C-alpha atoms as a PDB file:
ATOM      1  CA  MET A   1      95.279  92.256 134.409  1.00  0.00           C
ATOM      2  CA  THR A   2      91.918  93.546 135.663  1.00  0.00           C
ATOM      3  CA  PRO A   3      88.931  93.492 133.298  1.00  0.00           C
ATOM      4  CA  THR A   4      88.894  97.303 133.007  1.00  0.00           C
ATOM      5  CA  HIS A   5      92.574  97.457 132.117  1.00  0.00           C
ATOM      6  CA  MET A   6      91.882  95.232 129.135  1.00  0.00           C
ATOM      7  CA  PHE A   7      90.507  98.456 127.616  1.00  0.00           C
ATOM      8  CA  ASP A   8      94.094  99.753 127.526  1.00  0.00           C
ATOM      9  CA  LEU A   9      94.732  97.363 124.634  1.00  0.00           C
ATOM     10  CA  LEU A  10      92.109  99.120 122.499  1.00  0.00           C
ATOM     11  CA  ALA A  11      92.724 102.008 120.112  1.00  0.00           C
ATOM     12  CA  THR A  12      89.210 103.285 120.906  1.00  0.00           C
ATOM     13  CA  LEU A  13      88.852 105.957 123.591  1.00  0.00           C
ATOM     14  CA  VAL A  14      86.956 104.348 126.488  1.00  0.00           C
ATOM     15  CA  ALA A  15      85.672 105.647 129.810  1.00  0.00           C
ATOM     16  CA  ILE A  16      83.603 103.937 132.477  1.00  0.00           C
ATOM     17  CA  VAL A  17      81.301 106.478 134.084  1.00  0.00           C
ATOM     18  CA  ARG A  18      79.001 106.328 137.093  1.00  0.00           C
ATOM     19  CA  VAL A  19      75.382 107.257 136.480  1.00  0.00           C
ATOM     20  CA  ASP A  20      76.108 110.598 138.159  1.00  0.00           C
ATOM     21  CA  GLY A  21      78.573 111.311 135.326  1.00  0.00           C
ATOM     22  CA  VAL A  22      81.843 110.867 137.259  1.00  0.00           C
ATOM     23  CA  VAL A  23      84.636 108.949 135.496  1.00  0.00           C
ATOM     24  CA  VAL A  24      85.795 105.853 137.375  1.00  0.00           C
ATOM     25  CA  PHE A  25      88.118 104.561 134.645  1.00  0.00           C
ATOM     26  CA  ALA A  26      89.824 106.062 131.560  1.00  0.00           C
ATOM     27  CA  ASN A  27      91.865 103.912 129.195  1.00  0.00           C
ATOM     28  CA  ALA A  28      95.315 104.693 127.793  1.00  0.00           C
ATOM     29  CA  ALA A  29      93.972 105.856 124.410  1.00  0.00           C
ATOM     30  CA  LEU A  30      91.798 108.459 126.136  1.00  0.00           C
ATOM     31  CA  GLU A  31      94.818 109.634 128.144  1.00  0.00           C
ATOM     32  CA  ASP A  32      96.832 110.051 124.936  1.00  0.00           C
ATOM     33  CA  VAL A  33      94.164 112.034 123.115  1.00  0.00           C
ATOM     34  CA  MET A  34      93.291 114.257 126.087  1.00  0.00           C
ATOM     35  CA  GLY A  35      96.921 114.882 127.008  1.00  0.00           C
ATOM     36  CA  LEU A  36      95.988 114.172 130.617  1.00  0.00           C
ATOM     37  CA  SER A  37      96.948 111.372 132.966  1.00  0.00           C
ATOM     38  CA  ARG A  38      94.367 108.824 134.053  1.00  0.00           C
ATOM     39  CA  ARG A  39      94.651 110.163 137.578  1.00  0.00           C
ATOM     40  CA  ASN A  40      93.555 113.624 136.412  1.00  0.00           C
ATOM     41  CA  ILE A  41      90.591 112.301 134.411  1.00  0.00           C
ATOM     42  CA  GLU A  42      89.240 109.804 136.918  1.00  0.00           C
ATOM     43  CA  GLY A  43      87.045 111.345 139.616  1.00  0.00           C
ATOM     44  CA  THR A  44      85.919 114.214 137.370  1.00  0.00           C
ATOM     45  CA  PRO A  45      82.602 114.622 135.485  1.00  0.00           C
ATOM     46  CA  LEU A  46      82.982 113.431 131.883  1.00  0.00           C
ATOM     47  CA  SER A  47      80.437 116.003 130.714  1.00  0.00           C
ATOM     48  CA  GLY A  48      82.973 118.710 131.548  1.00  0.00           C
ATOM     49  CA  TYR A  49      85.135 117.496 128.659  1.00  0.00           C
ATOM     50  CA  PHE A  50      82.393 118.147 126.069  1.00  0.00           C
ATOM     51  CA  THR A  51      81.788 121.566 124.537  1.00  0.00           C
ATOM     52  CA  GLU A  52      78.041 120.867 124.849  1.00  0.00           C
ATOM     53  CA  THR A  53      76.998 118.899 127.937  1.00  0.00           C
ATOM     54  CA  GLN A  54      73.248 118.453 127.433  1.00  0.00           C
ATOM     55  CA  ALA A  55      73.441 115.491 125.013  1.00  0.00           C
ATOM     56  CA  PHE A  56      75.703 113.548 127.375  1.00  0.00           C
ATOM     57  CA  ASP A  57      73.493 114.320 130.386  1.00  0.00           C
ATOM     58  CA  ASN A  58      70.462 113.070 128.423  1.00  0.00           C
ATOM     59  CA  ALA A  59      72.347 109.894 127.508  1.00  0.00           C
ATOM     60  CA  LEU A  60      73.135 109.222 131.175  1.00  0.00           C
ATOM     61  CA  GLN A  61      69.476 109.648 132.110  1.00  0.00           C
ATOM     62  CA  GLY A  62      68.494 107.222 129.366  1.00  0.00           C
ATOM     63  CA  ALA A  63      71.039 104.702 130.647  1.00  0.00           C
ATOM     64  CA  GLN A  64      69.610 104.937 134.169  1.00  0.00           C
ATOM     65  CA  THR A  65      66.123 104.134 132.921  1.00  0.00           C
ATOM     66  CA  ASN A  66      67.321 101.469 130.435  1.00  0.00           C
ATOM     67  CA  ALA A  67      65.668 103.499 127.663  1.00  0.00           C
ATOM     68  CA  PHE A  68      68.109 102.185 125.051  1.00  0.00           C
ATOM     69  CA  ALA A  69      70.643  99.435 124.388  1.00  0.00           C
ATOM     70  CA  ALA A  70      73.199 101.968 123.122  1.00  0.00           C
ATOM     71  CA  LEU A  71      72.908 105.661 122.295  1.00  0.00           C
ATOM     72  CA  ARG A  72      75.041 107.293 119.578  1.00  0.00           C
ATOM     73  CA  TYR A  73      75.589 110.944 118.786  1.00  0.00           C
ATOM     74  CA  ASP A  74      78.316 113.300 117.558  1.00  0.00           C
ATOM     75  CA  ALA A  75      80.029 115.797 119.855  1.00  0.00           C
ATOM     76  CA  HIS A  76      83.218 117.801 120.372  1.00  0.00           C
ATOM     77  CA  LEU A  77      85.721 116.771 123.038  1.00  0.00           C
ATOM     78  CA  ARG A  78      87.357 119.648 124.877  1.00  0.00           C
ATOM     79  CA  ARG A  79      91.151 119.193 125.320  1.00  0.00           C
ATOM     80  CA  PRO A  80      93.630 121.354 127.265  1.00  0.00           C
ATOM     81  CA  ASN A  81      95.635 123.689 124.985  1.00  0.00           C
ATOM     82  CA  GLN A  82      94.269 121.992 121.843  1.00  0.00           C
ATOM     83  CA  GLU A  83      91.426 122.403 119.406  1.00  0.00           C
ATOM     84  CA  PRO A  84      88.210 120.525 120.317  1.00  0.00           C
ATOM     85  CA  LEU A  85      88.181 117.044 118.787  1.00  0.00           C
ATOM     86  CA  PRO A  86      85.085 115.905 116.816  1.00  0.00           C
ATOM     87  CA  VAL A  87      84.046 112.496 118.159  1.00  0.00           C
ATOM     88  CA  HIS A  88      81.282 109.953 117.725  1.00  0.00           C
ATOM     89  CA  VAL A  89      79.992 109.094 121.207  1.00  0.00           C
ATOM     90  CA  ILE A  90      78.530 105.684 122.081  1.00  0.00           C
ATOM     91  CA  VAL A  91      76.916 105.338 125.512  1.00  0.00           C
ATOM     92  CA  ALA A  92      75.965 101.799 126.525  1.00  0.00           C
ATOM     93  CA  PRO A  93      74.930 100.190 129.827  1.00  0.00           C
ATOM     94  CA  SER A  94      77.685  98.377 131.711  1.00  0.00           C
ATOM     95  CA  ASP A  95      77.449  95.031 133.481  1.00  0.00           C
ATOM     96  CA  ARG A  96      77.090  97.060 136.681  1.00  0.00           C
ATOM     97  CA  ALA A  97      73.813  98.851 137.269  1.00  0.00           C
ATOM     98  CA  ASP A  98      75.441 102.044 138.541  1.00  0.00           C
ATOM     99  CA  GLU A  99      77.915 102.441 135.642  1.00  0.00           C
ATOM    100  CA  VAL A 100      77.820 103.066 131.881  1.00  0.00           C
ATOM    101  CA  LEU A 101      80.422 102.444 129.186  1.00  0.00           C
ATOM    102  CA  VAL A 102      81.335 105.409 126.990  1.00  0.00           C
ATOM    103  CA  GLU A 103      83.244 104.991 123.720  1.00  0.00           C
ATOM    104  CA  LEU A 104      84.603 108.025 121.888  1.00  0.00           C
ATOM    105  CA  LEU A 105      85.561 107.530 118.238  1.00  0.00           C
ATOM    106  CA  PRO A 106      87.417 110.476 116.685  1.00  0.00           C
ATOM    107  CA  LEU A 107      85.476 111.233 113.510  1.00  0.00           C
ATOM    108  CA  GLU A 108      88.669 111.626 111.510  1.00  0.00           C
ATOM    109  CA  GLN A 109      89.819 108.228 112.793  1.00  0.00           C
ATOM    110  CA  GLN A 110      86.418 106.698 112.044  1.00  0.00           C
ATOM    111  CA  THR A 111      86.508 108.073 108.496  1.00  0.00           C
ATOM    112  CA  ARG A 112      90.030 106.798 108.048  1.00  0.00           C
ATOM    113  CA  GLN A 113      89.164 103.354 109.413  1.00  0.00           C
ATOM    114  CA  ASP A 114      86.227 103.158 107.008  1.00  0.00           C
ATOM    115  CA  ARG A 115      88.537 104.123 104.130  1.00  0.00           C
ATOM    116  CA  GLU A 116      91.139 101.557 105.194  1.00  0.00           C
ATOM    117  CA  GLU A 117      88.503  98.833 105.442  1.00  0.00           C
ATOM    118  CA  ARG A 118      87.361  99.685 101.920  1.00  0.00           C
ATOM    119  CA  LEU A 119      90.953  99.522 100.653  1.00  0.00           C
ATOM    120  CA  ILE A 120      91.526  96.141 102.324  1.00  0.00           C
ATOM    121  CA  ASP A 121      88.240  94.755 101.006  1.00  0.00           C
ATOM    122  CA  GLN A 122      89.021  96.092  97.525  1.00  0.00           C
ATOM    123  CA  ALA A 123      92.503  94.586  97.602  1.00  0.00           C
ATOM    124  CA  GLN A 124      91.136  91.187  98.618  1.00  0.00           C
ATOM    125  CA  ALA A 125      88.462  91.312  95.935  1.00  0.00           C
ATOM    126  CA  ASN A 126      91.062  92.394  93.365  1.00  0.00           C
ATOM    127  CA  LYS A 127      93.343  89.527  94.379  1.00  0.00           C
ATOM    128  CA  GLU A 128      90.621  86.938  93.863  1.00  0.00           C
ATOM    129  CA  LEU A 129      89.501  88.540  90.611  1.00  0.00           C
ATOM    130  CA  ILE A 130      93.057  88.642  89.258  1.00  0.00           C
ATOM    131  CA  ARG A 131      93.782  85.034  90.177  1.00  0.00           C
ATOM    132  CA  ASN A 132      90.593  83.732  88.624  1.00  0.00           C
ATOM    133  CA  LEU A 133      90.808  85.911  85.527  1.00  0.00           C
ATOM    134  CA  ALA A 134      94.492  85.176  84.936  1.00  0.00           C
ATOM    135  CA  HIS A 135      93.955  81.417  85.162  1.00  0.00           C
ATOM    136  CA  GLU A 136      90.941  81.614  82.851  1.00  0.00           C
ATOM    137  CA  ILE A 137      93.031  83.524  80.291  1.00  0.00           C
ATOM    138  CA  LYS A 138      96.162  81.415  80.700  1.00  0.00           C
ATOM    139  CA  ASN A 139      94.658  78.073  79.680  1.00  0.00           C
ATOM    140  CA  PRO A 140      93.149  79.000  76.287  1.00  0.00           C
ATOM    141  CA  LEU A 141      96.100  81.293  75.561  1.00  0.00           C
ATOM    142  CA  GLY A 142      98.464  78.329  75.298  1.00  0.00           C
ATOM    143  CA  GLY A 143      96.056  76.644  72.903  1.00  0.00           C
ATOM    144  CA  ILE A 144      95.794  79.730  70.711  1.00  0.00           C
ATOM    145  CA  ARG A 145      99.577  80.082  70.498  1.00  0.00           C
ATOM    146  CA  GLY A 146     100.077  76.381  69.773  1.00  0.00           C
ATOM    147  CA  ALA A 147      97.425  76.417  67.041  1.00  0.00           C
ATOM    148  CA  ALA A 148      99.052  79.462  65.437  1.00  0.00           C
ATOM    149  CA  GLN A 149     102.452  77.730  65.435  1.00  0.00           C
ATOM    150  CA  LEU A 150     100.985  74.626  63.784  1.00  0.00           C
ATOM    151  CA  LEU A 151      99.193  76.774  61.222  1.00  0.00           C
ATOM    152  CA  GLN A 152     102.420  78.653  60.456  1.00  0.00           C
ATOM    153  CA  MET A 153     104.156  75.349  59.673  1.00  0.00           C
ATOM    154  CA  GLU A 154     101.444  74.471  57.138  1.00  0.00           C
ATOM    155  CA  VAL A 155     101.097  77.720  55.184  1.00  0.00           C
ATOM    156  CA  GLU A 156     103.482  78.835  52.463  1.00  0.00           C
ATOM    157  CA  SER A 157     102.259  82.357  51.763  1.00  0.00           C
ATOM    158  CA  LYS A 158     104.418  85.060  53.404  1.00  0.00           C
ATOM    159  CA  ASP A 159     101.313  87.196  53.983  1.00  0.00           C
ATOM    160  CA  LEU A 160      99.614  84.401  55.892  1.00  0.00           C
ATOM    161  CA  ILE A 161     102.790  83.717  57.885  1.00  0.00           C
ATOM    162  CA  GLU A 162     102.781  87.368  58.952  1.00  0.00           C
ATOM    163  CA  TYR A 163      99.254  86.891  60.308  1.00  0.00           C
ATOM    164  CA  THR A 164     100.253  83.802  62.296  1.00  0.00           C
ATOM    165  CA  GLN A 165     103.274  85.682  63.657  1.00  0.00           C
ATOM    166  CA  VAL A 166     100.967  88.463  64.823  1.00  0.00           C
ATOM    167  CA  ILE A 167      98.834  85.883  66.664  1.00  0.00           C
ATOM    168  CA  ILE A 168     101.918  84.336  68.304  1.00  0.00           C
ATOM    169  CA  HIS A 169     103.343  87.745  69.226  1.00  0.00           C
ATOM    170  CA  GLU A 170     100.070  88.954  70.784  1.00  0.00           C
ATOM    171  CA  ALA A 171      99.620  85.642  72.632  1.00  0.00           C
ATOM    172  CA  ASP A 172     103.140  86.076  74.082  1.00  0.00           C
ATOM    173  CA  ARG A 173     102.327  89.655  75.092  1.00  0.00           C
ATOM    174  CA  LEU A 174      99.190  88.516  76.890  1.00  0.00           C
ATOM    175  CA  GLN A 175     101.172  85.724  78.564  1.00  0.00           C
ATOM    176  CA  VAL A 176     103.607  88.297  79.959  1.00  0.00           C
ATOM    177  CA  LEU A 177     100.682  90.367  81.277  1.00  0.00           C
ATOM    178  CA  VAL A 178      99.102  87.310  82.925  1.00  0.00           C
ATOM    179  CA  ASP A 179     102.433  86.368  84.517  1.00  0.00           C
ATOM    180  CA  ARG A 180     102.764  89.901  85.917  1.00  0.00           C
ATOM    181  CA  LEU A 181      99.261  89.671  87.365  1.00  0.00           C
ATOM    182  CA  LEU A 182     100.064  86.375  89.076  1.00  0.00           C
ATOM    183  CA  ALA A 183     103.635  87.236  90.121  1.00  0.00           C
ATOM    184  CA  PRO A 184     102.957  88.745  93.595  1.00  0.00           C
ATOM    185  CA  HIS A 185     100.818  85.738  94.571  1.00  0.00           C
ATOM    186  CA  ARG A 186     103.418  83.185  93.451  1.00  0.00           C
ATOM    187  CA  ARG A 187     106.575  84.720  94.851  1.00  0.00           C
ATOM    188  CA  PRO A 188     107.587  83.544  98.338  1.00  0.00           C
ATOM    189  CA  HIS A 189     107.745  86.144 101.114  1.00  0.00           C
ATOM    190  CA  VAL A 190     111.431  86.303 102.168  1.00  0.00           C
ATOM    191  CA  VAL A 191     111.625  87.948 105.594  1.00  0.00           C
ATOM    192  CA  GLY A 192     114.729  89.583 107.054  1.00  0.00           C
ATOM    193  CA  ASP A 193     115.893  92.809 108.704  1.00  0.00           C
ATOM    194  CA  VAL A 194     115.369  95.741 106.329  1.00  0.00           C
ATOM    195  CA  ASN A 195     116.795  99.254 106.549  1.00  0.00           C
ATOM    196  CA  ILE A 196     114.193 101.443 104.865  1.00  0.00           C
ATOM    197  CA  HIS A 197     116.824 104.002 103.869  1.00  0.00           C
ATOM    198  CA  GLU A 198     118.781 101.373 101.954  1.00  0.00           C
ATOM    199  CA  VAL A 199     115.519 100.654 100.122  1.00  0.00           C
ATOM    200  CA  CYS A 200     115.073 104.371  99.365  1.00  0.00           C
ATOM    201  CA  GLU A 201     118.664 104.772  98.188  1.00  0.00           C
ATOM    202  CA  ARG A 202     118.336 101.803  95.858  1.00  0.00           C
ATOM    203  CA  VAL A 203     115.154 103.246  94.350  1.00  0.00           C
ATOM    204  CA  ARG A 204     116.729 106.706  94.107  1.00  0.00           C
ATOM    205  CA  SER A 205     119.719 105.390  92.163  1.00  0.00           C
ATOM    206  CA  LEU A 206     117.491 103.451  89.754  1.00  0.00           C
ATOM    207  CA  ILE A 207     115.270 106.450  89.040  1.00  0.00           C
ATOM    208  CA  LEU A 208     118.170 108.867  88.547  1.00  0.00           C
ATOM    209  CA  ALA A 209     119.791 106.393  86.166  1.00  0.00           C
ATOM    210  CA  GLU A 210     116.604 106.427  84.064  1.00  0.00           C
ATOM    211  CA  PHE A 211     116.012 110.194  84.405  1.00  0.00           C
ATOM    212  CA  PRO A 212     119.520 111.694  84.725  1.00  0.00           C
ATOM    213  CA  LYS A 213     118.539 115.274  83.794  1.00  0.00           C
ATOM    214  CA  GLY A 214     115.762 117.580  84.912  1.00  0.00           C
ATOM    215  CA  LEU A 215     114.713 115.567  87.991  1.00  0.00           C
ATOM    216  CA  ARG A 216     115.781 116.086  91.609  1.00  0.00           C
ATOM    217  CA  VAL A 217     115.168 113.284  94.098  1.00  0.00           C
ATOM    218  CA  VAL A 218     115.404 114.891  97.535  1.00  0.00           C
ATOM    219  CA  ARG A 219     116.235 112.870 100.654  1.00  0.00           C
ATOM    220  CA  ASP A 220     114.406 113.833 103.854  1.00  0.00           C
ATOM    221  CA  TYR A 221     115.208 110.948 106.189  1.00  0.00           C
ATOM    222  CA  ASP A 222     114.736 110.334 109.894  1.00  0.00           C
ATOM    223  CA  THR A 223     117.854 108.246 110.473  1.00  0.00           C
ATOM    224  CA  SER A 224     116.643 107.133 113.925  1.00  0.00           C
ATOM    225  CA  ILE A 225     114.062 104.792 112.350  1.00  0.00           C
ATOM    226  CA  PRO A 226     114.903 101.195 113.351  1.00  0.00           C
ATOM    227  CA  GLU A 227     115.094  98.288 110.943  1.00  0.00           C
ATOM    228  CA  LEU A 228     111.854  96.490 110.201  1.00  0.00           C
ATOM    229  CA  ARG A 229     111.141  92.843 109.488  1.00  0.00           C
ATOM    230  CA  GLY A 230     110.202  92.391 105.874  1.00  0.00           C
ATOM    231  CA  ASP A 231     111.015  91.321 102.344  1.00  0.00           C
ATOM    232  CA  ARG A 232     113.644  93.754 101.045  1.00  0.00           C
ATOM    233  CA  GLU A 233     113.053  93.025  97.353  1.00  0.00           C
ATOM    234  CA  GLN A 234     109.283  93.413  97.680  1.00  0.00           C
ATOM    235  CA  LEU A 235     109.688  96.748  99.460  1.00  0.00           C
ATOM    236  CA  ILE A 236     112.137  97.978  96.813  1.00  0.00           C
ATOM    237  CA  GLN A 237     109.650  97.004  94.101  1.00  0.00           C
ATOM    238  CA  ALA A 238     106.743  98.680  95.918  1.00  0.00           C
ATOM    239  CA  VAL A 239     108.596 101.967  96.421  1.00  0.00           C
ATOM    240  CA  LEU A 240     110.081 101.827  92.929  1.00  0.00           C
ATOM    241  CA  ASN A 241     106.631 101.426  91.364  1.00  0.00           C
ATOM    242  CA  ILE A 242     105.356 104.531  93.179  1.00  0.00           C
ATOM    243  CA  VAL A 243     108.453 106.631  92.441  1.00  0.00           C
ATOM    244  CA  HIS A 244     108.509 105.510  88.812  1.00  0.00           C
ATOM    245  CA  ASN A 245     104.857 106.529  88.423  1.00  0.00           C
ATOM    246  CA  ALA A 246     105.716 109.910  89.916  1.00  0.00           C
ATOM    247  CA  ALA A 247     108.643 110.376  87.524  1.00  0.00           C
ATOM    248  CA  GLN A 248     106.478 109.534  84.529  1.00  0.00           C
ATOM    249  CA  ALA A 249     103.857 112.029  85.689  1.00  0.00           C
ATOM    250  CA  LEU A 250     106.615 114.678  85.850  1.00  0.00           C
ATOM    251  CA  VAL A 251     107.687 114.303  82.221  1.00  0.00           C
ATOM    252  CA  ASP A 252     106.744 117.907  81.330  1.00  0.00           C
ATOM    253  CA  ARG A 253     108.545 119.347  84.350  1.00  0.00           C
ATOM    254  CA  ILE A 254     111.560 117.137  83.663  1.00  0.00           C
ATOM    255  CA  THR A 255     111.738 118.796  80.234  1.00  0.00           C
ATOM    256  CA  THR A 256     111.760 122.245  81.859  1.00  0.00           C
ATOM    257  CA  GLY A 257     114.209 121.067  84.528  1.00  0.00           C
ATOM    258  CA  ASP A 258     112.162 121.745  87.702  1.00  0.00           C
ATOM    259  CA  ALA A 259     110.774 118.273  88.479  1.00  0.00           C
ATOM    260  CA  GLN A 260     111.159 117.100  92.073  1.00  0.00           C
ATOM    261  CA  ILE A 261     110.416 113.963  94.064  1.00  0.00           C
ATOM    262  CA  ILE A 262     110.866 113.914  97.841  1.00  0.00           C
ATOM    263  CA  LEU A 263     111.545 110.683  99.733  1.00  0.00           C
ATOM    264  CA  ARG A 264     110.591 111.416 103.344  1.00  0.00           C
ATOM    265  CA  THR A 265     110.727 108.975 106.265  1.00  0.00           C
ATOM    266  CA  ARG A 266     109.184 109.563 109.665  1.00  0.00           C
ATOM    267  CA  ILE A 267     108.113 107.613 112.750  1.00  0.00           C
ATOM    268  CA  ASN A 268     104.418 107.720 113.644  1.00  0.00           C
ATOM    269  CA  ARG A 269     103.561 106.905 117.261  1.00  0.00           C
ATOM    270  CA  GLN A 270     100.383 105.347 118.652  1.00  0.00           C
ATOM    271  CA  VAL A 271      98.900 104.964 115.187  1.00  0.00           C
ATOM    272  CA  THR A 272      95.866 102.882 114.232  1.00  0.00           C
ATOM    273  CA  PHE A 273      95.430 101.301 110.826  1.00  0.00           C
ATOM    274  CA  SER A 274      94.111  98.009 109.475  1.00  0.00           C
ATOM    275  CA  LYS A 275      91.923  97.869 112.632  1.00  0.00           C
ATOM    276  CA  GLN A 276      94.970  97.573 114.901  1.00  0.00           C
ATOM    277  CA  ARG A 277      96.843  99.981 117.107  1.00  0.00           C
ATOM    278  CA  TYR A 278     100.632 100.112 116.854  1.00  0.00           C
ATOM    279  CA  ARG A 279     103.082 101.769 119.200  1.00  0.00           C
ATOM    280  CA  LEU A 280     105.369 102.684 116.296  1.00  0.00           C
ATOM    281  CA  ALA A 281     104.936 102.721 112.542  1.00  0.00           C
ATOM    282  CA  LEU A 282     107.072 103.758 109.596  1.00  0.00           C
ATOM    283  CA  GLU A 283     105.758 106.571 107.412  1.00  0.00           C
ATOM    284  CA  LEU A 284     107.410 106.717 104.005  1.00  0.00           C
ATOM    285  CA  HIS A 285     106.225 109.577 101.812  1.00  0.00           C
ATOM    286  CA  VAL A 286     106.819 109.858  98.073  1.00  0.00           C
ATOM    287  CA  ILE A 287     105.936 113.449  97.185  1.00  0.00           C
ATOM    288  CA  ASP A 288     106.092 114.929  93.689  1.00  0.00           C
ATOM    289  CA  ASN A 289     105.323 118.360  92.230  1.00  0.00           C
ATOM    290  CA  GLY A 290     103.486 116.996  89.211  1.00  0.00           C
ATOM    291  CA  PRO A 291     100.018 117.675  87.803  1.00  0.00           C
ATOM    292  CA  GLY A 292      98.183 115.502  90.328  1.00  0.00           C
ATOM    293  CA  ILE A 293      96.016 112.432  89.850  1.00  0.00           C
ATOM    294  CA  PRO A 294      92.970 112.796  87.572  1.00  0.00           C
ATOM    295  CA  GLU A 295      89.818 113.140  89.647  1.00  0.00           C
ATOM    296  CA  GLU A 296      88.016 110.399  87.755  1.00  0.00           C
ATOM    297  CA  ILE A 297      90.480 107.672  88.834  1.00  0.00           C
ATOM    298  CA  LYS A 298      91.269 108.751  92.425  1.00  0.00           C
ATOM    299  CA  ASP A 299      88.824 106.267  93.932  1.00  0.00           C
ATOM    300  CA  ARG A 300      90.111 103.443  91.704  1.00  0.00           C
ATOM    301  CA  LEU A 301      93.799 104.233  91.933  1.00  0.00           C
ATOM    302  CA  PHE A 302      94.876 100.854  93.310  1.00  0.00           C
ATOM    303  CA  PHE A 303      92.620  98.789  91.063  1.00  0.00           C
ATOM    304  CA  PRO A 304      94.434  96.600  88.529  1.00  0.00           C
ATOM    305  CA  LEU A 305      94.564  97.872  84.935  1.00  0.00           C
ATOM    306  CA  VAL A 306      93.599 101.435  85.976  1.00  0.00           C
ATOM    307  CA  SER A 307      96.118 103.999  84.729  1.00  0.00           C
ATOM    308  CA  GLY A 308      96.147 107.758  84.338  1.00  0.00           C
ATOM    309  CA  ARG A 309      98.807 107.568  81.638  1.00  0.00           C
ATOM    310  CA  ASP A 310      98.422 106.579  78.006  1.00  0.00           C
ATOM    311  CA  GLY A 311     100.095 103.226  77.469  1.00  0.00           C
ATOM    312  CA  GLY A 312     100.302 102.458  81.191  1.00  0.00           C
ATOM    313  CA  SER A 313      99.532  98.908  82.319  1.00  0.00           C
ATOM    314  CA  GLY A 314      97.799  99.999  85.534  1.00  0.00           C
ATOM    315  CA  LEU A 315      99.620  97.288  87.506  1.00  0.00           C
ATOM    316  CA  GLY A 316     102.321  99.275  89.317  1.00  0.00           C
ATOM    317  CA  LEU A 317     100.253 100.715  92.164  1.00  0.00           C
ATOM    318  CA  ASN A 318      98.206  97.541  92.528  1.00  0.00           C
ATOM    319  CA  LEU A 319     101.390  95.494  92.973  1.00  0.00           C
ATOM    320  CA  ALA A 320     102.809  98.103  95.378  1.00  0.00           C
ATOM    321  CA  GLN A 321      99.664  97.930  97.528  1.00  0.00           C
ATOM    322  CA  THR A 322      99.805  94.105  97.484  1.00  0.00           C
ATOM    323  CA  PHE A 323     103.453  94.038  98.620  1.00  0.00           C
ATOM    324  CA  VAL A 324     102.871  96.617 101.377  1.00  0.00           C
ATOM    325  CA  GLN A 325      99.791  94.768 102.649  1.00  0.00           C
ATOM    326  CA  GLN A 326     101.917  91.626 102.875  1.00  0.00           C
ATOM    327  CA  HIS A 327     103.909  93.646 105.459  1.00  0.00           C
ATOM    328  CA  HIS A 328     100.657  94.398 107.385  1.00  0.00           C
ATOM    329  CA  GLY A 329     100.730  97.957 106.079  1.00  0.00           C
ATOM    330  CA  LEU A 330      98.863 100.087 103.599  1.00  0.00           C
ATOM    331  CA  ILE A 331      99.339 102.908 101.105  1.00  0.00           C
ATOM    332  CA  GLU A 332      97.359 106.142 101.187  1.00  0.00           C
ATOM    333  CA  CYS A 333      97.325 108.936  98.626  1.00  0.00           C
ATOM    334  CA  ASP A 334      96.591 112.647  98.826  1.00  0.00           C
ATOM    335  CA  SER A 335      96.769 114.525  95.536  1.00  0.00           C
ATOM    336  CA  VAL A 336      96.130 118.060  94.323  1.00  0.00           C
ATOM    337  CA  VAL A 337      97.550 119.931  91.360  1.00  0.00           C
ATOM    338  CA  GLY A 338     101.231 120.535  92.076  1.00  0.00           C
ATOM    339  CA  ARG A 339     101.554 118.038  94.925  1.00  0.00           C
ATOM    340  CA  THR A 340     100.892 114.303  95.106  1.00  0.00           C
ATOM    341  CA  ASP A 341     101.794 112.472  98.319  1.00  0.00           C
ATOM    342  CA  PHE A 342     101.821 108.666  98.483  1.00  0.00           C
ATOM    343  CA  LYS A 343     102.208 107.566 102.122  1.00  0.00           C
ATOM    344  CA  ILE A 344     103.336 104.029 102.962  1.00  0.00           C
ATOM    345  CA  LEU A 345     102.538 102.924 106.534  1.00  0.00           C
ATOM    346  CA  ILE A 346     104.223  99.802 107.933  1.00  0.00           C
ATOM    347  CA  PRO A 347     104.295  98.693 111.601  1.00  0.00           C
ATOM    348  CA  LEU A 348     107.677  98.769 113.336  1.00  0.00           C
ATOM    349  CA  PRO A 349     108.792  96.246 115.962  1.00  0.00           C
END
């Protein structure tokens, strides 16, 4: 493989341009976005693909005079039969004096990558926080429960025994919560071939058993999706947590009989997430017609112990995100009043 063709492995749009502005190399990602073959792009002026050419011409002049190490600016990329694409342009000198390297980052992609990086960083920070906090709680909790049991054996008053029973009961409740916090980090990852529609059908049957009236769970499957390598039970739990949250948010519409959840599967091609580009990825959407997610918790949706429902533990979505990330994927959410869409993305082989 030649050095320039190494750029074909990148998700970033890359062109190598002579100082006169003519493209000498365009990578595969640029071909995909432009809808043009490399042969059609190479040998043409790159400035012709921008809606405004002056900024790019100025950047080339600066590269010729070594006026900068790298120049950045925002522009719009002109594409045949498509809307112009907003991009962040980076022009940097090449290792050859008569050429420059041009990177084009779609602004939507850049924004999404930034959001994904934040989600990954948050998830990692949450994981460490949960582990440390759970262990700190777990040790004294056993001592509190044991002391209450010993105290209960010594007292004779029924009123005092009731107090010790409250202590034991609350200690047990906290123990269950701590175990739930630690569960995804303890459980082994059992990998096998998984049919995502079997996962969806299992979740659908569980939800309809719990909510037999007033709720429709609509199937919208792409049956051509291949099996993926993963932990079937973890994926069932992840999807179930999301669907169960949706059903609980629909309680008012379930009462009136018009609640609906859609399970939609699709294939996404040439997709980039978690800083990697994948040829194929699974998109699993869980869409409900509920009231939407409260604005004040949207940015903290996947944090542990954050819930938009009274009495909720705030662990369901956090565990779902953890399980999906263990499959090298992520969960995104788009919510407005009347429509909430949780999208699970997982790479396919």
